[in-house]
Amino acid sequence: MEALIHPPRSLMEVFDMLPEGTLAELINNRLSMSPAPLSSHQKVLFKIAERLVAYVDHKHVGEVIIAPFDVKLDETRNVVQPDITVILKTNSHQIVNGRYSGVPDLIVEILSPGNKDHDLITKKDLYEKFGVKEYWIIDPETKLALGFSLTEKKFIKIGDSIGRIDSLLLQVGFEF
C-alpha cells in the first residue's frame, strides 16, 4: 500500500481512491458501501440485461452496462453504481476512458432485501433531480417492476407489472 502524500480533501477524492470494483456510492456527499448482491438479485439482473442488450444491439441505439460501473452524475457529490445503465448514442460522448460522467438515459435498479428504501426513495429522488429519462425498480422476489418516466422534471409512474418492463423510452416491452 502506498503512503498518502496529500490527504483527500473531499469525499469525492476518497471515492476516487477506492479500489476498482468496490461496491460504493457517493450520494449527496454521503459515502455508502454495500455487500455483494444475493443470487436472486443477480439472476434477475442478468435476465433483464440480456434482453436489453439484445434489443439495444439489434437496433444500434446505444450501450447497456451492468454493475459495478460508476456513473458520475456531477463532479463533487454524486457517483452511483446502477445495476443496469442504458446510454443512448446521443450521450455516448460522455463515456471517456471507460468512465461515464453525465446522466444516463435509462437506469434499472434491483432491490436488495435490507436496503429497499435506498432505491425506492433516495436513488429515485436523485435520478429525478439529475434528469434520468426512465427509471425501473425491480423486486427480485416478487418480480414486481415499477417504471417511471421523466415528464416536466418529475417522475411519472408508467409501469407496475409482474415480470415485465414496457419502456416508453426504448419503445419496447420484454419479460424477465
N, C-alpha and C. Protein backbone atom coordinates (compact mmCIF):
# COMPACT_ATOMS: atom_id res chain seq x y z
N MET A 1 0.84 -1.18 0.00
CA MET A 1 0.00 0.00 0.00
C MET A 1 0.89 1.24 0.00
N GLU A 2 0.51 2.18 -0.81
CA GLU A 2 1.27 3.40 -0.98
C GLU A 2 0.86 4.45 0.06
N ALA A 3 1.83 5.16 0.62
CA ALA A 3 1.55 6.21 1.59
C ALA A 3 0.93 7.41 0.88
N LEU A 4 0.02 8.08 1.57
CA LEU A 4 -0.61 9.27 1.02
C LEU A 4 0.30 10.47 1.21
N ILE A 5 0.60 11.15 0.14
CA ILE A 5 1.41 12.37 0.23
C ILE A 5 0.51 13.53 0.62
N HIS A 6 -0.67 13.57 0.00
CA HIS A 6 -1.65 14.61 0.30
C HIS A 6 -2.95 13.92 0.68
N PRO A 7 -3.46 14.16 1.89
CA PRO A 7 -4.72 13.52 2.26
C PRO A 7 -5.87 14.05 1.41
N PRO A 8 -6.89 13.23 1.19
CA PRO A 8 -8.03 13.69 0.39
C PRO A 8 -8.73 14.86 1.08
N ARG A 9 -9.19 15.80 0.25
CA ARG A 9 -9.85 16.99 0.79
C ARG A 9 -11.37 16.90 0.69
N SER A 10 -11.87 15.91 -0.03
CA SER A 10 -13.32 15.79 -0.18
C SER A 10 -13.70 14.31 -0.24
N LEU A 11 -14.97 14.03 -0.04
CA LEU A 11 -15.43 12.65 -0.16
C LEU A 11 -15.31 12.14 -1.59
N MET A 12 -15.40 13.04 -2.57
CA MET A 12 -15.20 12.61 -3.96
C MET A 12 -13.77 12.13 -4.15
N GLU A 13 -12.81 12.80 -3.53
CA GLU A 13 -11.42 12.35 -3.62
C GLU A 13 -11.25 11.00 -2.92
N VAL A 14 -11.92 10.80 -1.79
CA VAL A 14 -11.89 9.50 -1.11
C VAL A 14 -12.49 8.44 -2.03
N PHE A 15 -13.63 8.74 -2.62
CA PHE A 15 -14.29 7.81 -3.53
C PHE A 15 -13.36 7.44 -4.68
N ASP A 16 -12.71 8.42 -5.26
CA ASP A 16 -11.81 8.18 -6.39
C ASP A 16 -10.61 7.30 -6.02
N MET A 17 -10.29 7.21 -4.72
CA MET A 17 -9.16 6.40 -4.26
C MET A 17 -9.56 4.95 -3.96
N LEU A 18 -10.86 4.64 -3.96
CA LEU A 18 -11.29 3.27 -3.65
C LEU A 18 -10.79 2.31 -4.73
N PRO A 19 -10.49 1.08 -4.35
CA PRO A 19 -10.04 0.10 -5.35
C PRO A 19 -11.12 -0.19 -6.38
N GLU A 20 -10.71 -0.48 -7.60
CA GLU A 20 -11.64 -0.83 -8.67
C GLU A 20 -12.52 -2.00 -8.22
N GLY A 21 -13.81 -1.91 -8.53
CA GLY A 21 -14.75 -2.97 -8.18
C GLY A 21 -15.39 -2.82 -6.82
N THR A 22 -15.00 -1.81 -6.05
CA THR A 22 -15.60 -1.58 -4.74
C THR A 22 -17.06 -1.21 -4.93
N LEU A 23 -17.94 -1.87 -4.18
CA LEU A 23 -19.36 -1.57 -4.25
C LEU A 23 -19.65 -0.38 -3.33
N ALA A 24 -19.53 0.80 -3.90
CA ALA A 24 -19.70 2.03 -3.11
C ALA A 24 -20.36 3.09 -3.97
N GLU A 25 -21.08 3.98 -3.30
CA GLU A 25 -21.72 5.10 -3.98
C GLU A 25 -21.53 6.35 -3.13
N LEU A 26 -21.53 7.47 -3.79
CA LEU A 26 -21.49 8.76 -3.13
C LEU A 26 -22.77 9.48 -3.54
N ILE A 27 -23.67 9.65 -2.58
CA ILE A 27 -24.96 10.29 -2.88
C ILE A 27 -25.13 11.47 -1.94
N ASN A 28 -25.29 12.64 -2.54
CA ASN A 28 -25.42 13.88 -1.77
C ASN A 28 -24.29 14.01 -0.77
N ASN A 29 -23.08 13.68 -1.24
CA ASN A 29 -21.84 13.78 -0.47
C ASN A 29 -21.82 12.86 0.76
N ARG A 30 -22.55 11.73 0.68
CA ARG A 30 -22.51 10.70 1.72
C ARG A 30 -22.04 9.41 1.06
N LEU A 31 -20.97 8.86 1.60
CA LEU A 31 -20.38 7.65 1.06
C LEU A 31 -21.05 6.44 1.70
N SER A 32 -21.51 5.51 0.87
CA SER A 32 -22.09 4.27 1.40
C SER A 32 -21.53 3.08 0.63
N MET A 33 -21.36 2.00 1.34
CA MET A 33 -20.84 0.76 0.74
C MET A 33 -21.88 -0.32 0.97
N SER A 34 -21.87 -1.32 0.11
CA SER A 34 -22.83 -2.41 0.26
C SER A 34 -22.15 -3.75 0.00
N PRO A 35 -22.72 -4.81 0.57
CA PRO A 35 -22.16 -6.14 0.30
C PRO A 35 -22.54 -6.60 -1.10
N ALA A 36 -21.93 -7.66 -1.55
CA ALA A 36 -22.27 -8.23 -2.85
C ALA A 36 -23.74 -8.64 -2.85
N PRO A 37 -24.42 -8.53 -3.99
CA PRO A 37 -25.83 -8.87 -4.07
C PRO A 37 -26.08 -10.38 -3.91
N LEU A 38 -27.33 -10.72 -3.56
CA LEU A 38 -27.75 -12.11 -3.43
C LEU A 38 -27.94 -12.74 -4.81
N SER A 39 -28.01 -14.06 -4.86
CA SER A 39 -28.15 -14.76 -6.14
C SER A 39 -29.46 -14.41 -6.84
N SER A 40 -30.56 -14.20 -6.09
CA SER A 40 -31.84 -13.84 -6.72
C SER A 40 -31.72 -12.49 -7.42
N HIS A 41 -31.01 -11.59 -6.83
CA HIS A 41 -30.75 -10.28 -7.42
C HIS A 41 -30.00 -10.44 -8.73
N GLN A 42 -28.94 -11.24 -8.73
CA GLN A 42 -28.10 -11.42 -9.91
C GLN A 42 -28.84 -12.14 -11.04
N LYS A 43 -29.68 -13.10 -10.71
CA LYS A 43 -30.44 -13.82 -11.74
C LYS A 43 -31.37 -12.87 -12.49
N VAL A 44 -32.08 -12.02 -11.74
CA VAL A 44 -32.99 -11.07 -12.37
C VAL A 44 -32.19 -10.03 -13.16
N LEU A 45 -31.09 -9.56 -12.59
CA LEU A 45 -30.25 -8.59 -13.29
C LEU A 45 -29.81 -9.13 -14.64
N PHE A 46 -29.33 -10.37 -14.69
CA PHE A 46 -28.84 -10.91 -15.95
C PHE A 46 -29.96 -11.17 -16.96
N LYS A 47 -31.13 -11.57 -16.49
CA LYS A 47 -32.25 -11.76 -17.42
C LYS A 47 -32.64 -10.44 -18.09
N ILE A 48 -32.74 -9.39 -17.27
CA ILE A 48 -33.12 -8.08 -17.81
C ILE A 48 -32.01 -7.54 -18.71
N ALA A 49 -30.78 -7.62 -18.24
CA ALA A 49 -29.65 -7.11 -19.03
C ALA A 49 -29.54 -7.84 -20.36
N GLU A 50 -29.74 -9.14 -20.36
CA GLU A 50 -29.67 -9.92 -21.60
C GLU A 50 -30.69 -9.42 -22.62
N ARG A 51 -31.89 -9.15 -22.17
CA ARG A 51 -32.94 -8.69 -23.07
C ARG A 51 -32.68 -7.26 -23.55
N LEU A 52 -32.21 -6.42 -22.64
CA LEU A 52 -31.88 -5.04 -23.03
C LEU A 52 -30.73 -5.01 -24.03
N VAL A 53 -29.68 -5.78 -23.77
CA VAL A 53 -28.53 -5.82 -24.68
C VAL A 53 -28.96 -6.30 -26.06
N ALA A 54 -29.77 -7.35 -26.11
CA ALA A 54 -30.23 -7.88 -27.40
C ALA A 54 -30.97 -6.80 -28.18
N TYR A 55 -31.84 -6.06 -27.52
CA TYR A 55 -32.61 -5.02 -28.20
C TYR A 55 -31.72 -3.85 -28.61
N VAL A 56 -30.94 -3.32 -27.68
CA VAL A 56 -30.11 -2.15 -27.94
C VAL A 56 -29.08 -2.45 -29.02
N ASP A 57 -28.48 -3.63 -28.98
CA ASP A 57 -27.50 -4.00 -30.02
C ASP A 57 -28.17 -4.18 -31.38
N HIS A 58 -29.32 -4.85 -31.39
CA HIS A 58 -30.03 -5.09 -32.65
C HIS A 58 -30.43 -3.78 -33.32
N LYS A 59 -30.89 -2.83 -32.53
CA LYS A 59 -31.34 -1.54 -33.06
C LYS A 59 -30.20 -0.52 -33.21
N HIS A 60 -29.03 -0.84 -32.67
CA HIS A 60 -27.86 0.06 -32.74
C HIS A 60 -28.19 1.43 -32.15
N VAL A 61 -28.82 1.44 -30.96
CA VAL A 61 -29.25 2.71 -30.38
C VAL A 61 -28.40 3.17 -29.20
N GLY A 62 -27.48 2.33 -28.74
CA GLY A 62 -26.69 2.75 -27.59
C GLY A 62 -25.92 1.61 -26.97
N GLU A 63 -25.81 1.68 -25.65
CA GLU A 63 -24.98 0.75 -24.90
C GLU A 63 -25.65 0.40 -23.58
N VAL A 64 -25.52 -0.86 -23.16
CA VAL A 64 -26.03 -1.32 -21.88
C VAL A 64 -24.83 -1.76 -21.04
N ILE A 65 -24.76 -1.26 -19.80
CA ILE A 65 -23.65 -1.60 -18.92
C ILE A 65 -24.22 -2.05 -17.58
N ILE A 66 -23.68 -3.16 -17.05
CA ILE A 66 -24.15 -3.64 -15.75
C ILE A 66 -23.14 -3.30 -14.65
N ALA A 67 -23.63 -3.31 -13.42
CA ALA A 67 -22.81 -3.01 -12.24
C ALA A 67 -21.76 -4.09 -12.03
N PRO A 68 -20.66 -3.75 -11.37
CA PRO A 68 -20.34 -2.41 -10.88
C PRO A 68 -19.76 -1.53 -11.98
N PHE A 69 -20.33 -0.37 -12.13
CA PHE A 69 -19.89 0.62 -13.11
C PHE A 69 -20.26 1.99 -12.56
N ASP A 70 -19.27 2.84 -12.35
CA ASP A 70 -19.52 4.16 -11.78
C ASP A 70 -20.17 5.09 -12.78
N VAL A 71 -21.22 5.76 -12.34
CA VAL A 71 -21.88 6.81 -13.11
C VAL A 71 -21.72 8.09 -12.29
N LYS A 72 -20.87 8.97 -12.79
CA LYS A 72 -20.58 10.24 -12.10
C LYS A 72 -21.60 11.26 -12.56
N LEU A 73 -22.60 11.52 -11.70
CA LEU A 73 -23.67 12.45 -12.05
C LEU A 73 -23.21 13.90 -11.99
N ASP A 74 -22.28 14.20 -11.11
CA ASP A 74 -21.69 15.53 -11.05
C ASP A 74 -20.24 15.39 -10.60
N GLU A 75 -19.54 16.49 -10.51
CA GLU A 75 -18.10 16.44 -10.23
C GLU A 75 -17.74 16.39 -8.76
N THR A 76 -18.69 16.66 -7.86
CA THR A 76 -18.31 16.80 -6.45
C THR A 76 -19.09 15.97 -5.45
N ARG A 77 -20.32 15.55 -5.74
CA ARG A 77 -21.16 14.98 -4.68
C ARG A 77 -21.89 13.68 -5.00
N ASN A 78 -21.91 13.24 -6.27
CA ASN A 78 -22.78 12.12 -6.61
C ASN A 78 -22.18 11.18 -7.65
N VAL A 79 -21.89 9.95 -7.20
CA VAL A 79 -21.46 8.87 -8.07
C VAL A 79 -22.27 7.64 -7.66
N VAL A 80 -22.96 7.04 -8.61
CA VAL A 80 -23.78 5.87 -8.31
C VAL A 80 -23.30 4.67 -9.13
N GLN A 81 -23.75 3.49 -8.72
CA GLN A 81 -23.47 2.26 -9.45
C GLN A 81 -24.80 1.55 -9.72
N PRO A 82 -25.55 2.03 -10.71
CA PRO A 82 -26.82 1.38 -11.02
C PRO A 82 -26.60 -0.08 -11.42
N ASP A 83 -27.60 -0.92 -11.16
CA ASP A 83 -27.48 -2.32 -11.57
C ASP A 83 -27.38 -2.43 -13.08
N ILE A 84 -28.21 -1.65 -13.80
CA ILE A 84 -28.15 -1.62 -15.26
C ILE A 84 -28.25 -0.17 -15.71
N THR A 85 -27.34 0.21 -16.58
CA THR A 85 -27.29 1.57 -17.11
C THR A 85 -27.43 1.49 -18.63
N VAL A 86 -28.37 2.26 -19.18
CA VAL A 86 -28.52 2.33 -20.63
C VAL A 86 -28.15 3.73 -21.06
N ILE A 87 -27.18 3.80 -21.98
CA ILE A 87 -26.71 5.08 -22.51
C ILE A 87 -26.97 5.07 -24.01
N LEU A 88 -27.87 5.93 -24.44
CA LEU A 88 -28.19 6.01 -25.86
C LEU A 88 -27.06 6.71 -26.62
N LYS A 89 -27.03 6.53 -27.92
CA LYS A 89 -25.95 7.09 -28.75
C LYS A 89 -25.79 8.60 -28.56
N THR A 90 -26.90 9.30 -28.31
CA THR A 90 -26.82 10.75 -28.15
C THR A 90 -25.98 11.16 -26.95
N ASN A 91 -25.78 10.24 -25.99
CA ASN A 91 -24.98 10.53 -24.80
C ASN A 91 -23.69 9.73 -24.73
N SER A 92 -23.37 8.99 -25.77
CA SER A 92 -22.19 8.13 -25.73
C SER A 92 -20.89 8.92 -25.61
N HIS A 93 -20.91 10.19 -25.99
CA HIS A 93 -19.72 11.04 -25.85
C HIS A 93 -19.33 11.26 -24.40
N GLN A 94 -20.24 10.94 -23.46
CA GLN A 94 -19.96 11.14 -22.05
C GLN A 94 -19.17 9.96 -21.44
N ILE A 95 -18.90 8.94 -22.26
CA ILE A 95 -18.04 7.85 -21.83
C ILE A 95 -16.63 8.19 -22.30
N VAL A 96 -15.76 8.46 -21.33
CA VAL A 96 -14.38 8.84 -21.65
C VAL A 96 -13.44 7.91 -20.87
N ASN A 97 -12.54 7.26 -21.59
CA ASN A 97 -11.61 6.31 -20.97
C ASN A 97 -12.33 5.25 -20.15
N GLY A 98 -13.48 4.78 -20.65
CA GLY A 98 -14.22 3.73 -19.99
C GLY A 98 -15.02 4.18 -18.78
N ARG A 99 -15.06 5.47 -18.51
CA ARG A 99 -15.81 6.01 -17.38
C ARG A 99 -16.93 6.91 -17.91
N TYR A 100 -18.01 7.00 -17.14
CA TYR A 100 -19.16 7.78 -17.57
C TYR A 100 -19.39 8.96 -16.64
N SER A 101 -19.42 10.14 -17.20
CA SER A 101 -19.76 11.36 -16.46
C SER A 101 -20.94 11.99 -17.18
N GLY A 102 -22.08 11.97 -16.52
CA GLY A 102 -23.28 12.52 -17.12
C GLY A 102 -24.51 11.81 -16.58
N VAL A 103 -25.60 11.99 -17.27
CA VAL A 103 -26.87 11.41 -16.84
C VAL A 103 -27.30 10.35 -17.84
N PRO A 104 -27.37 9.08 -17.39
CA PRO A 104 -27.81 8.02 -18.29
C PRO A 104 -29.26 8.23 -18.73
N ASP A 105 -29.62 7.57 -19.81
CA ASP A 105 -30.98 7.69 -20.33
C ASP A 105 -31.96 6.80 -19.57
N LEU A 106 -31.52 5.60 -19.24
CA LEU A 106 -32.38 4.65 -18.54
C LEU A 106 -31.56 3.92 -17.49
N ILE A 107 -32.13 3.79 -16.30
CA ILE A 107 -31.48 3.07 -15.20
C ILE A 107 -32.45 2.03 -14.67
N VAL A 108 -31.92 0.83 -14.38
CA VAL A 108 -32.68 -0.23 -13.73
C VAL A 108 -31.96 -0.57 -12.43
N GLU A 109 -32.70 -0.57 -11.34
CA GLU A 109 -32.17 -0.99 -10.04
C GLU A 109 -32.95 -2.21 -9.57
N ILE A 110 -32.22 -3.20 -9.06
CA ILE A 110 -32.80 -4.41 -8.49
C ILE A 110 -32.73 -4.25 -6.98
N LEU A 111 -33.87 -4.38 -6.30
CA LEU A 111 -33.91 -4.17 -4.85
C LEU A 111 -33.11 -5.23 -4.10
N SER A 112 -32.52 -4.80 -3.00
CA SER A 112 -31.86 -5.71 -2.07
C SER A 112 -32.69 -5.75 -0.80
N PRO A 113 -32.80 -6.91 -0.14
CA PRO A 113 -33.72 -7.06 0.99
C PRO A 113 -33.59 -6.02 2.10
N GLY A 114 -32.38 -5.71 2.52
CA GLY A 114 -32.22 -4.80 3.65
C GLY A 114 -32.09 -3.35 3.27
N ASN A 115 -32.28 -3.02 1.99
CA ASN A 115 -31.96 -1.67 1.54
C ASN A 115 -32.95 -1.14 0.52
N LYS A 116 -34.20 -1.54 0.60
CA LYS A 116 -35.19 -1.17 -0.42
C LYS A 116 -35.42 0.33 -0.53
N ASP A 117 -35.44 1.02 0.61
CA ASP A 117 -35.68 2.47 0.58
C ASP A 117 -34.59 3.22 -0.18
N HIS A 118 -33.39 2.65 -0.23
CA HIS A 118 -32.28 3.29 -0.94
C HIS A 118 -32.65 3.47 -2.42
N ASP A 119 -33.21 2.43 -3.04
CA ASP A 119 -33.59 2.51 -4.45
C ASP A 119 -34.96 3.16 -4.64
N LEU A 120 -35.90 2.87 -3.74
CA LEU A 120 -37.27 3.37 -3.88
C LEU A 120 -37.41 4.86 -3.57
N ILE A 121 -36.55 5.37 -2.71
CA ILE A 121 -36.68 6.78 -2.30
C ILE A 121 -35.42 7.57 -2.65
N THR A 122 -34.29 7.23 -2.02
CA THR A 122 -33.07 8.03 -2.17
C THR A 122 -32.62 8.12 -3.62
N LYS A 123 -32.45 6.97 -4.27
CA LYS A 123 -31.95 6.99 -5.64
C LYS A 123 -33.02 7.49 -6.61
N LYS A 124 -34.27 7.18 -6.37
CA LYS A 124 -35.35 7.69 -7.23
C LYS A 124 -35.34 9.22 -7.21
N ASP A 125 -35.23 9.81 -6.03
CA ASP A 125 -35.18 11.27 -5.92
C ASP A 125 -33.94 11.83 -6.62
N LEU A 126 -32.80 11.15 -6.45
CA LEU A 126 -31.56 11.60 -7.08
C LEU A 126 -31.67 11.54 -8.60
N TYR A 127 -32.17 10.43 -9.12
CA TYR A 127 -32.28 10.27 -10.58
C TYR A 127 -33.28 11.27 -11.16
N GLU A 128 -34.33 11.55 -10.44
CA GLU A 128 -35.30 12.56 -10.88
C GLU A 128 -34.62 13.93 -10.92
N LYS A 129 -33.90 14.26 -9.88
CA LYS A 129 -33.22 15.56 -9.78
C LYS A 129 -32.23 15.76 -10.93
N PHE A 130 -31.51 14.69 -11.31
CA PHE A 130 -30.50 14.83 -12.35
C PHE A 130 -31.05 14.65 -13.76
N GLY A 131 -32.29 14.21 -13.88
CA GLY A 131 -32.92 14.14 -15.20
C GLY A 131 -32.77 12.82 -15.94
N VAL A 132 -32.67 11.70 -15.22
CA VAL A 132 -32.69 10.39 -15.87
C VAL A 132 -34.06 10.26 -16.54
N LYS A 133 -34.06 9.89 -17.82
CA LYS A 133 -35.32 9.87 -18.58
C LYS A 133 -36.27 8.76 -18.15
N GLU A 134 -35.72 7.61 -17.78
CA GLU A 134 -36.58 6.49 -17.38
C GLU A 134 -35.88 5.68 -16.30
N TYR A 135 -36.65 5.27 -15.28
CA TYR A 135 -36.10 4.55 -14.13
C TYR A 135 -37.01 3.38 -13.81
N TRP A 136 -36.41 2.19 -13.73
CA TRP A 136 -37.15 0.98 -13.37
C TRP A 136 -36.58 0.40 -12.09
N ILE A 137 -37.48 0.00 -11.19
CA ILE A 137 -37.11 -0.63 -9.93
C ILE A 137 -37.75 -2.02 -9.93
N ILE A 138 -36.93 -3.05 -9.70
CA ILE A 138 -37.40 -4.43 -9.75
C ILE A 138 -37.22 -5.09 -8.39
N ASP A 139 -38.27 -5.76 -7.92
CA ASP A 139 -38.17 -6.59 -6.71
C ASP A 139 -37.85 -8.01 -7.18
N PRO A 140 -36.66 -8.55 -6.87
CA PRO A 140 -36.28 -9.86 -7.39
C PRO A 140 -37.11 -11.01 -6.82
N GLU A 141 -37.71 -10.81 -5.67
CA GLU A 141 -38.51 -11.89 -5.05
C GLU A 141 -39.89 -12.00 -5.70
N THR A 142 -40.54 -10.86 -5.93
CA THR A 142 -41.90 -10.87 -6.49
C THR A 142 -41.91 -10.60 -7.99
N LYS A 143 -40.78 -10.13 -8.53
CA LYS A 143 -40.63 -9.69 -9.92
C LYS A 143 -41.52 -8.49 -10.26
N LEU A 144 -41.95 -7.76 -9.23
CA LEU A 144 -42.70 -6.52 -9.47
C LEU A 144 -41.77 -5.50 -10.09
N ALA A 145 -42.19 -4.94 -11.21
CA ALA A 145 -41.42 -3.91 -11.92
C ALA A 145 -42.18 -2.60 -11.85
N LEU A 146 -41.55 -1.59 -11.26
CA LEU A 146 -42.12 -0.25 -11.20
C LEU A 146 -41.32 0.64 -12.13
N GLY A 147 -42.02 1.29 -13.05
CA GLY A 147 -41.34 2.15 -14.02
C GLY A 147 -41.75 3.59 -13.89
N PHE A 148 -40.78 4.48 -14.10
CA PHE A 148 -41.02 5.92 -14.02
C PHE A 148 -40.39 6.61 -15.22
N SER A 149 -41.11 7.58 -15.76
CA SER A 149 -40.62 8.37 -16.89
C SER A 149 -40.57 9.84 -16.47
N LEU A 150 -39.51 10.52 -16.86
CA LEU A 150 -39.36 11.93 -16.51
C LEU A 150 -40.23 12.78 -17.43
N THR A 151 -41.15 13.51 -16.83
CA THR A 151 -42.05 14.41 -17.55
C THR A 151 -42.07 15.73 -16.81
N GLU A 152 -41.64 16.79 -17.50
CA GLU A 152 -41.57 18.12 -16.90
C GLU A 152 -40.81 18.10 -15.58
N LYS A 153 -39.64 17.43 -15.61
CA LYS A 153 -38.70 17.35 -14.48
C LYS A 153 -39.23 16.58 -13.28
N LYS A 154 -40.28 15.76 -13.47
CA LYS A 154 -40.83 14.93 -12.40
C LYS A 154 -41.04 13.52 -12.92
N PHE A 155 -40.80 12.52 -12.07
CA PHE A 155 -41.07 11.14 -12.45
C PHE A 155 -42.56 10.87 -12.38
N ILE A 156 -43.08 10.31 -13.46
CA ILE A 156 -44.47 9.87 -13.55
C ILE A 156 -44.44 8.35 -13.69
N LYS A 157 -45.26 7.68 -12.91
CA LYS A 157 -45.30 6.22 -12.95
C LYS A 157 -45.85 5.76 -14.30
N ILE A 158 -45.09 4.89 -14.97
CA ILE A 158 -45.52 4.40 -16.29
C ILE A 158 -45.72 2.88 -16.31
N GLY A 159 -45.32 2.22 -15.24
CA GLY A 159 -45.46 0.78 -15.23
C GLY A 159 -45.54 0.22 -13.84
N ASP A 160 -46.28 -0.87 -13.73
CA ASP A 160 -46.47 -1.57 -12.46
C ASP A 160 -46.94 -2.97 -12.83
N SER A 161 -45.99 -3.86 -13.12
CA SER A 161 -46.38 -5.18 -13.57
C SER A 161 -45.44 -6.25 -13.01
N ILE A 162 -45.85 -7.48 -13.12
CA ILE A 162 -45.05 -8.60 -12.64
C ILE A 162 -44.30 -9.22 -13.81
N GLY A 163 -42.98 -9.24 -13.70
CA GLY A 163 -42.14 -9.91 -14.69
C GLY A 163 -42.11 -9.27 -16.06
N ARG A 164 -42.42 -7.99 -16.15
CA ARG A 164 -42.44 -7.33 -17.45
C ARG A 164 -42.07 -5.86 -17.31
N ILE A 165 -41.28 -5.38 -18.27
CA ILE A 165 -40.94 -3.97 -18.39
C ILE A 165 -41.42 -3.50 -19.75
N ASP A 166 -42.14 -2.38 -19.77
CA ASP A 166 -42.56 -1.74 -21.02
C ASP A 166 -41.94 -0.35 -21.04
N SER A 167 -40.85 -0.23 -21.75
CA SER A 167 -40.10 1.02 -21.78
C SER A 167 -40.68 1.98 -22.81
N LEU A 168 -41.10 3.15 -22.33
CA LEU A 168 -41.54 4.20 -23.25
C LEU A 168 -40.36 4.77 -24.03
N LEU A 169 -39.24 4.92 -23.35
CA LEU A 169 -38.04 5.48 -23.97
C LEU A 169 -37.55 4.62 -25.14
N LEU A 170 -37.47 3.32 -24.92
CA LEU A 170 -36.97 2.42 -25.96
C LEU A 170 -38.07 1.91 -26.88
N GLN A 171 -39.31 2.18 -26.52
CA GLN A 171 -40.44 1.73 -27.33
C GLN A 171 -40.46 0.21 -27.48
N VAL A 172 -40.21 -0.50 -26.35
CA VAL A 172 -40.19 -1.95 -26.37
C VAL A 172 -40.63 -2.49 -25.01
N GLY A 173 -41.25 -3.65 -25.04
CA GLY A 173 -41.59 -4.35 -23.82
C GLY A 173 -40.92 -5.70 -23.82
N PHE A 174 -40.56 -6.17 -22.65
CA PHE A 174 -39.96 -7.51 -22.57
C PHE A 174 -40.21 -8.11 -21.20
N GLU A 175 -40.26 -9.42 -21.19
CA GLU A 175 -40.47 -10.17 -19.95
C GLU A 175 -39.14 -10.62 -19.40
N PHE A 176 -39.14 -10.82 -18.10
CA PHE A 176 -37.92 -11.32 -17.46
C PHE A 176 -38.26 -12.36 -16.43
